[in-house]
Amino acid sequence: MKTLSVDLGERSYPIFIGRGLLGNPELVTPYVRGKQVCIVTNETVAPLYLEKVKTAFAGFKTDSVILPDGESFKTLETLNLIFDGLLKNKHNRTTTLVALGGGVIGDMTGFAAACYQRGVDFIQIPTTLLSQVDSSVGGKTGVNHALGKNMIGAFHQPNCVVIDTDTLTTLPAAELSAGLAEVIKYGLIYDKPFIGWLEQNVAAIRNNDPETLAYAIEKSCSTKAEIVGQDEKETGVRALLNLGHTFGHAIETSQGYGNWLHGEAVAAGTMMAADLSARLGWITAEEVARTEAMFVAAGLPIAPPASMTAEEFKSLMAVDKKVLDGNLRLVLLSALGAAVVTSDFPMTALDQTLQHFLK
């Protein structure tokens, strides 16, 4: 087992990464303050792992809430089901919520924890590659709105993160590929040598090789932990983690949440960001092709849906958390392995990128 730390002073917390960690009370019970625990999961994950996770909390009054599965249910209405379960079972403000599932479950459980009785503790137990390498770490929580993804939420850090890589053996191939989009992102924005490693190991990750997966997860989590430790509330360097996300969120909102997996939309969005970066002269055409080859090897799309228009993209991108005082800011590649958040680009270049992908 590997142990990393997210350094946030008094609110620092560990990330445990390894095989066979579900059901281990030594990893989670030190992070439960009170006597009550509520495990939040979904209809897909519950039959696989709920009973095993309950054994880790055997000494506590443990309840569970089982939500419908899918990004389309990441709503305020579904969030209320968590509050219903907490109130019906008389959970007090020393309760601990446990998120058992992918990014949707983690985001909603964390948001419920941020809101319930003005804030209670929670623990992340992510079961998808995307949630293990990205969404379970850093304290971003929330739900979607019909007009924009993740527009309602709060920063609320977990007490600990338990990543059992054995859960990936039950993950559908498309979900594994979707997680790879975020892994590739870390190389593109922060770690050029990691790009070279990924080019050699994407196939092994897709084949669920345990050692290769563990290294990719550890590398991704350590990068995110370092960035979050520098900028918890995304006022600076943390925004770099959104490479491809402004384009990607527009795709998800346009197509209906869940019709494109988040990682699929991020992959296509990252290719659009790479294209724009090349038009600005920051990276070469060969580097764009190298980026594209990684996404193709990962089994991910490299272009947005053909049904989308340039005007639709611009309209949806205007409803983005990185828009500041009316200015659209994008995360772009200043080099392969480095990124910037900028609004300093001509709109004609953005129009050319949109026209290129939306022929």
Protein backbone atom coordinates (compact mmCIF):
# COMPACT_ATOMS: atom_id res chain seq x y z
CA MET A 1 0.00 0.00 0.00
CA LYS A 2 1.14 3.52 -0.84
CA THR A 3 0.16 6.49 1.32
CA LEU A 4 0.15 10.05 -0.05
CA SER A 5 -0.86 13.24 1.73
CA VAL A 6 -2.85 16.29 0.67
CA ASP A 7 -1.15 19.05 2.63
CA LEU A 8 -3.75 21.56 3.81
CA GLY A 9 -2.50 22.32 7.30
CA GLU A 10 -4.99 21.21 9.94
CA ARG A 11 -7.24 19.82 7.20
CA SER A 12 -4.56 17.62 5.62
CA TYR A 13 -5.62 14.05 4.84
CA PRO A 14 -4.14 10.80 3.54
CA ILE A 15 -4.74 8.96 0.27
CA PHE A 16 -4.32 5.19 0.64
CA ILE A 17 -3.63 3.31 -2.63
CA GLY A 18 -3.40 -0.47 -2.88
CA ARG A 19 -5.11 -3.80 -3.48
CA GLY A 20 -7.65 -5.36 -1.12
CA LEU A 21 -8.24 -2.22 0.93
CA LEU A 22 -12.05 -2.37 1.06
CA GLY A 23 -13.30 -3.59 4.41
CA ASN A 24 -10.11 -2.62 6.26
CA PRO A 25 -11.21 -0.81 9.45
CA GLU A 26 -7.69 0.41 10.24
CA LEU A 27 -7.79 2.75 7.24
CA VAL A 28 -11.13 4.43 7.94
CA THR A 29 -12.12 4.23 11.62
CA PRO A 30 -9.45 6.75 12.75
CA TYR A 31 -11.25 9.28 10.52
CA VAL A 32 -14.74 8.82 12.02
CA ARG A 33 -15.40 11.25 14.89
CA GLY A 34 -18.86 10.19 16.01
CA LYS A 35 -20.85 6.96 16.25
CA GLN A 36 -22.86 7.26 13.02
CA VAL A 37 -21.88 6.45 9.44
CA CYS A 38 -23.94 6.71 6.26
CA ILE A 39 -22.61 4.99 3.15
CA VAL A 40 -23.84 6.56 -0.10
CA THR A 41 -23.52 4.40 -3.21
CA ASN A 42 -25.50 3.51 -6.34
CA GLU A 43 -27.46 0.59 -7.76
CA THR A 44 -24.46 -0.69 -9.75
CA VAL A 45 -21.81 -0.52 -7.03
CA ALA A 46 -23.95 -1.59 -4.05
CA PRO A 47 -24.26 -5.29 -5.03
CA LEU A 48 -20.49 -5.44 -5.61
CA TYR A 49 -18.97 -3.70 -2.63
CA LEU A 50 -21.49 -2.33 -0.10
CA GLU A 51 -21.43 -5.29 2.30
CA LYS A 52 -17.63 -5.43 2.26
CA VAL A 53 -17.36 -1.73 3.07
CA LYS A 54 -19.91 -2.09 5.88
CA THR A 55 -17.56 -4.53 7.62
CA ALA A 56 -14.99 -1.72 7.96
CA PHE A 57 -17.52 0.25 10.01
CA ALA A 58 -18.76 -2.66 12.13
CA GLY A 59 -18.39 -0.70 15.37
CA PHE A 60 -20.64 2.15 14.23
CA LYS A 61 -24.36 2.68 13.61
CA THR A 62 -24.21 2.31 9.85
CA ASP A 63 -26.94 3.21 7.37
CA SER A 64 -26.81 3.31 3.58
CA VAL A 65 -28.42 5.30 0.79
CA ILE A 66 -28.51 3.70 -2.67
CA LEU A 67 -28.96 6.16 -5.53
CA PRO A 68 -29.74 5.57 -9.21
CA ASP A 69 -26.61 5.24 -11.35
CA GLY A 70 -25.54 7.79 -13.95
CA GLU A 71 -24.51 11.37 -14.62
CA SER A 72 -28.12 12.23 -15.50
CA PHE A 73 -28.98 11.77 -11.80
CA LYS A 74 -26.36 14.23 -10.55
CA THR A 75 -29.07 16.72 -9.61
CA LEU A 76 -30.50 18.59 -6.64
CA GLU A 77 -33.47 16.21 -6.73
CA THR A 78 -31.25 13.16 -6.26
CA LEU A 79 -29.20 15.00 -3.64
CA ASN A 80 -32.36 15.24 -1.55
CA LEU A 81 -32.47 11.44 -1.33
CA ILE A 82 -29.25 11.60 0.70
CA PHE A 83 -30.75 14.18 3.05
CA ASP A 84 -33.90 12.04 3.34
CA GLY A 85 -31.80 9.08 4.46
CA LEU A 86 -29.81 11.13 6.96
CA LEU A 87 -32.88 12.73 8.52
CA LYS A 88 -35.00 9.58 8.65
CA ASN A 89 -32.18 7.77 10.45
CA LYS A 90 -31.59 10.75 12.79
CA HIS A 91 -27.98 11.42 11.86
CA ASN A 92 -26.46 14.25 13.88
CA ARG A 93 -23.66 16.67 13.12
CA THR A 94 -20.94 14.20 14.16
CA THR A 95 -22.00 11.73 11.48
CA THR A 96 -19.61 10.70 8.71
CA LEU A 97 -20.76 10.19 5.13
CA VAL A 98 -18.91 7.64 3.00
CA ALA A 99 -18.87 8.00 -0.79
CA LEU A 100 -18.65 4.54 -2.37
CA GLY A 101 -18.65 4.79 -6.16
CA GLY A 102 -17.45 6.91 -9.05
CA GLY A 103 -17.24 10.64 -9.55
CA VAL A 104 -20.98 11.27 -9.46
CA ILE A 105 -21.35 9.57 -6.07
CA GLY A 106 -18.24 11.28 -4.72
CA ASP A 107 -19.34 14.74 -5.86
CA MET A 108 -22.88 14.38 -4.52
CA THR A 109 -21.90 12.77 -1.22
CA GLY A 110 -19.30 15.47 -0.62
CA PHE A 111 -21.82 18.19 -1.41
CA ALA A 112 -24.37 16.57 0.93
CA ALA A 113 -21.68 16.48 3.63
CA ALA A 114 -20.90 20.16 3.04
CA CYS A 115 -24.56 21.09 3.45
CA TYR A 116 -25.99 18.69 6.07
CA GLN A 117 -26.32 20.55 9.37
CA ARG A 118 -23.92 23.11 7.86
CA GLY A 119 -21.13 20.63 7.35
CA VAL A 120 -20.24 17.09 8.42
CA ASP A 121 -17.30 14.77 7.74
CA PHE A 122 -16.98 12.46 4.76
CA ILE A 123 -14.68 9.77 3.41
CA GLN A 124 -14.02 9.00 -0.26
CA ILE A 125 -13.88 5.37 -1.47
CA PRO A 126 -13.70 5.79 -5.28
CA THR A 127 -14.35 2.74 -7.48
CA THR A 128 -13.68 4.08 -11.01
CA LEU A 129 -10.35 5.09 -12.53
CA LEU A 130 -11.56 8.63 -13.16
CA SER A 131 -12.63 9.13 -9.56
CA GLN A 132 -9.48 7.48 -8.21
CA VAL A 133 -7.10 9.71 -10.17
CA ASP A 134 -9.07 12.93 -10.06
CA SER A 135 -12.46 13.67 -8.54
CA SER A 136 -12.00 11.96 -5.15
CA VAL A 137 -9.00 14.16 -4.32
CA GLY A 138 -9.21 17.90 -3.74
CA GLY A 139 -12.62 18.57 -2.20
CA LYS A 140 -14.57 19.73 -5.24
CA THR A 141 -18.19 18.68 -4.70
CA GLY A 142 -21.46 19.51 -6.40
CA VAL A 143 -24.26 18.73 -8.81
CA ASN A 144 -25.15 19.67 -12.37
CA HIS A 145 -27.70 22.19 -13.57
CA ALA A 146 -29.55 21.90 -16.87
CA LEU A 147 -27.66 24.98 -18.11
CA GLY A 148 -24.18 24.01 -16.90
CA LYS A 149 -22.13 21.17 -15.43
CA ASN A 150 -21.01 21.32 -11.78
CA MET A 151 -22.36 24.84 -11.39
CA ILE A 152 -23.84 24.20 -7.92
CA GLY A 153 -21.42 22.99 -5.28
CA ALA A 154 -18.88 23.66 -2.56
CA PHE A 155 -15.27 23.02 -1.64
CA HIS A 156 -15.38 20.40 1.13
CA GLN A 157 -12.35 18.20 1.77
CA PRO A 158 -12.69 14.51 2.73
CA ASN A 159 -11.13 13.10 5.90
CA CYS A 160 -9.33 10.42 3.88
CA VAL A 161 -9.38 8.73 0.48
CA VAL A 162 -9.19 4.92 0.16
CA ILE A 163 -8.32 3.72 -3.35
CA ASP A 164 -8.66 -0.05 -3.78
CA THR A 165 -7.34 -0.81 -7.26
CA ASP A 166 -9.10 -4.21 -7.22
CA THR A 167 -12.40 -2.37 -7.83
CA LEU A 168 -11.18 -1.61 -11.36
CA THR A 169 -11.49 -5.28 -12.34
CA THR A 170 -15.28 -4.83 -12.50
CA LEU A 171 -15.09 -1.56 -14.44
CA PRO A 172 -16.43 -1.53 -18.02
CA ALA A 173 -13.77 -0.85 -20.68
CA ALA A 174 -15.33 2.49 -21.64
CA GLU A 175 -15.14 3.70 -18.03
CA LEU A 176 -11.49 2.66 -17.79
CA SER A 177 -10.75 4.62 -20.97
CA ALA A 178 -12.63 7.61 -19.59
CA GLY A 179 -10.39 7.62 -16.54
CA LEU A 180 -7.33 7.56 -18.77
CA ALA A 181 -8.32 10.98 -20.14
CA GLU A 182 -7.60 12.52 -16.74
CA VAL A 183 -4.35 10.51 -16.35
CA ILE A 184 -3.12 11.82 -19.72
CA LYS A 185 -4.07 15.33 -18.62
CA TYR A 186 -1.56 15.25 -15.75
CA GLY A 187 1.25 14.55 -18.18
CA LEU A 188 0.15 17.27 -20.60
CA ILE A 189 -0.08 20.04 -17.99
CA TYR A 190 2.67 19.15 -15.54
CA ASP A 191 4.95 16.23 -16.33
CA LYS A 192 6.44 15.69 -19.80
CA PRO A 193 8.38 12.52 -18.78
CA PHE A 194 5.06 11.01 -17.65
CA ILE A 195 3.78 11.47 -21.21
CA GLY A 196 6.59 9.23 -22.45
CA TRP A 197 5.74 6.63 -19.81
CA LEU A 198 2.06 6.71 -20.78
CA GLU A 199 2.84 6.26 -24.46
CA GLN A 200 4.58 3.01 -23.52
CA ASN A 201 1.97 1.82 -21.02
CA VAL A 202 -1.52 2.82 -22.17
CA ALA A 203 -2.17 -0.70 -23.47
CA ALA A 204 -1.16 -2.26 -20.14
CA ILE A 205 -3.51 0.10 -18.28
CA ARG A 206 -6.39 -0.81 -20.59
CA ASN A 207 -5.60 -4.48 -19.94
CA ASN A 208 -5.94 -3.81 -16.19
CA ASP A 209 -2.33 -4.66 -15.35
CA PRO A 210 -2.24 -4.10 -11.55
CA GLU A 211 1.29 -2.69 -11.24
CA THR A 212 0.92 -0.32 -14.20
CA LEU A 213 -2.46 0.89 -12.96
CA ALA A 214 -1.13 1.43 -9.44
CA TYR A 215 1.75 3.56 -10.75
CA ALA A 216 -0.56 5.65 -12.96
CA ILE A 217 -2.93 6.24 -10.04
CA GLU A 218 -0.14 7.09 -7.61
CA LYS A 219 1.50 9.47 -10.09
CA SER A 220 -1.81 11.20 -10.86
CA CYS A 221 -2.80 11.53 -7.20
CA SER A 222 0.60 12.86 -6.15
CA THR A 223 0.42 15.53 -8.87
CA LYS A 224 -3.09 16.54 -7.88
CA ALA A 225 -2.22 16.53 -4.16
CA GLU A 226 0.73 18.84 -4.85
CA ILE A 227 -1.39 21.25 -6.88
CA VAL A 228 -4.32 21.27 -4.40
CA GLY A 229 -1.86 21.86 -1.56
CA GLN A 230 -0.73 25.03 -3.34
CA ASP A 231 -4.20 26.28 -4.35
CA GLU A 232 -7.18 24.70 -2.59
CA LYS A 233 -9.90 27.06 -3.87
CA GLU A 234 -8.72 27.29 -7.50
CA THR A 235 -7.60 30.90 -7.52
CA GLY A 236 -4.39 30.09 -9.39
CA VAL A 237 -2.46 26.97 -10.39
CA ARG A 238 -5.30 24.54 -9.64
CA ALA A 239 -7.23 25.84 -12.64
CA LEU A 240 -4.65 24.09 -14.85
CA LEU A 241 -6.35 20.81 -13.88
CA ASN A 242 -9.23 21.92 -16.12
CA LEU A 243 -7.37 21.37 -19.39
CA GLY A 244 -10.00 20.43 -21.98
CA HIS A 245 -12.83 20.85 -19.47
CA THR A 246 -14.38 24.06 -20.78
CA PHE A 247 -14.79 22.47 -24.22
CA GLY A 248 -15.67 19.13 -22.59
CA HIS A 249 -18.36 20.52 -20.30
CA ALA A 250 -19.97 22.19 -23.33
CA ILE A 251 -20.12 18.76 -25.00
CA GLU A 252 -21.66 17.12 -21.92
CA THR A 253 -24.26 19.85 -21.48
CA SER A 254 -25.15 19.81 -25.19
CA GLN A 255 -25.48 16.04 -25.49
CA GLY A 256 -27.30 15.50 -22.19
CA TYR A 257 -25.44 14.42 -19.08
CA GLY A 258 -24.27 10.83 -19.30
CA ASN A 259 -24.56 10.39 -23.06
CA TRP A 260 -20.88 11.23 -23.30
CA LEU A 261 -18.79 10.04 -20.37
CA HIS A 262 -16.92 12.87 -18.66
CA GLY A 263 -13.53 11.47 -19.71
CA GLU A 264 -14.69 11.13 -23.31
CA ALA A 265 -15.74 14.79 -23.38
CA VAL A 266 -12.47 15.85 -21.72
CA ALA A 267 -10.46 13.94 -24.34
CA ALA A 268 -12.24 15.67 -27.23
CA GLY A 269 -12.02 18.99 -25.38
CA THR A 270 -8.29 18.55 -24.80
CA MET A 271 -7.74 17.97 -28.50
CA MET A 272 -9.56 21.25 -29.19
CA ALA A 273 -7.37 23.03 -26.61
CA ALA A 274 -4.26 21.49 -28.20
CA ASP A 275 -5.37 22.64 -31.65
CA LEU A 276 -5.89 26.20 -30.39
CA SER A 277 -2.51 26.11 -28.63
CA ALA A 278 -0.86 25.14 -31.93
CA ARG A 279 -2.66 27.95 -33.78
CA LEU A 280 -1.13 30.36 -31.25
CA GLY A 281 2.31 28.92 -32.01
CA TRP A 282 2.81 27.46 -28.52
CA ILE A 283 3.08 23.79 -29.50
CA THR A 284 3.89 22.14 -32.82
CA ALA A 285 1.67 20.16 -35.17
CA GLU A 286 3.80 17.11 -34.29
CA GLU A 287 3.00 17.60 -30.59
CA VAL A 288 -0.71 17.84 -31.38
CA ALA A 289 -0.40 14.56 -33.31
CA ARG A 290 1.42 12.97 -30.38
CA THR A 291 -1.38 14.05 -28.05
CA GLU A 292 -3.98 12.69 -30.44
CA ALA A 293 -2.17 9.34 -30.65
CA MET A 294 -2.34 8.94 -26.86
CA PHE A 295 -6.09 9.50 -26.80
CA VAL A 296 -6.62 7.12 -29.71
CA ALA A 297 -4.52 4.46 -27.95
CA ALA A 298 -6.66 5.02 -24.85
CA GLY A 299 -9.83 4.33 -26.84
CA LEU A 300 -11.11 7.89 -26.53
CA PRO A 301 -12.76 10.29 -29.01
CA ILE A 302 -10.61 13.04 -30.49
CA ALA A 303 -13.38 15.30 -31.78
CA PRO A 304 -16.72 16.63 -30.50
CA PRO A 305 -20.08 15.40 -31.81
CA ALA A 306 -20.63 16.37 -35.43
CA SER A 307 -24.08 17.67 -34.51
CA MET A 308 -22.68 20.58 -32.48
CA THR A 309 -22.25 24.03 -34.01
CA ALA A 310 -19.64 26.69 -33.31
CA GLU A 311 -22.30 29.03 -31.96
CA GLU A 312 -23.61 26.35 -29.59
CA PHE A 313 -20.08 25.77 -28.31
CA LYS A 314 -19.48 29.45 -27.66
CA SER A 315 -22.84 29.89 -25.96
CA LEU A 316 -22.23 26.94 -23.61
CA MET A 317 -18.61 27.90 -22.93
CA ALA A 318 -19.82 31.33 -21.79
CA VAL A 319 -21.47 29.54 -18.84
CA ASP A 320 -18.23 28.32 -17.32
CA LYS A 321 -16.65 28.81 -13.90
CA LYS A 322 -13.46 30.16 -15.53
CA VAL A 323 -15.32 33.04 -17.21
CA LEU A 324 -14.21 36.18 -15.36
CA ASP A 325 -15.82 39.59 -15.84
CA GLY A 326 -17.23 38.47 -19.16
CA ASN A 327 -13.90 37.19 -20.46
CA LEU A 328 -13.63 33.55 -21.54
CA ARG A 329 -10.52 31.99 -20.02
CA LEU A 330 -9.18 28.69 -21.29
CA VAL A 331 -6.50 26.27 -20.14
CA LEU A 332 -4.08 25.93 -23.04
CA LEU A 333 -0.74 24.19 -23.54
CA SER A 334 2.21 26.57 -23.43
CA ALA A 335 4.39 23.52 -24.15
CA LEU A 336 3.97 19.77 -23.96
CA GLY A 337 4.06 19.21 -20.20
CA ALA A 338 3.12 22.79 -19.26
CA ALA A 339 -0.11 24.79 -19.33
CA VAL A 340 -1.51 28.27 -18.69
CA VAL A 341 -4.92 29.75 -17.93
CA THR A 342 -5.44 32.64 -20.32
CA SER A 343 -7.95 34.90 -22.01
CA ASP A 344 -5.16 36.39 -24.10
CA PHE A 345 -5.97 34.82 -27.45
CA PRO A 346 -7.73 36.22 -30.52
CA MET A 347 -11.30 35.05 -30.94
CA THR A 348 -10.48 34.44 -34.59
CA ALA A 349 -8.13 31.64 -33.49
CA LEU A 350 -10.89 30.08 -31.37
CA ASP A 351 -13.26 30.38 -34.34
CA GLN A 352 -10.72 28.58 -36.53
CA THR A 353 -10.44 25.75 -34.00
CA LEU A 354 -14.21 25.40 -33.81
CA GLN A 355 -14.49 25.43 -37.60
CA HIS A 356 -11.75 22.80 -37.87
CA PHE A 357 -13.57 20.38 -35.57
CA LEU A 358 -17.10 21.21 -36.69
CA LYS A 359 -16.79 20.88 -40.44
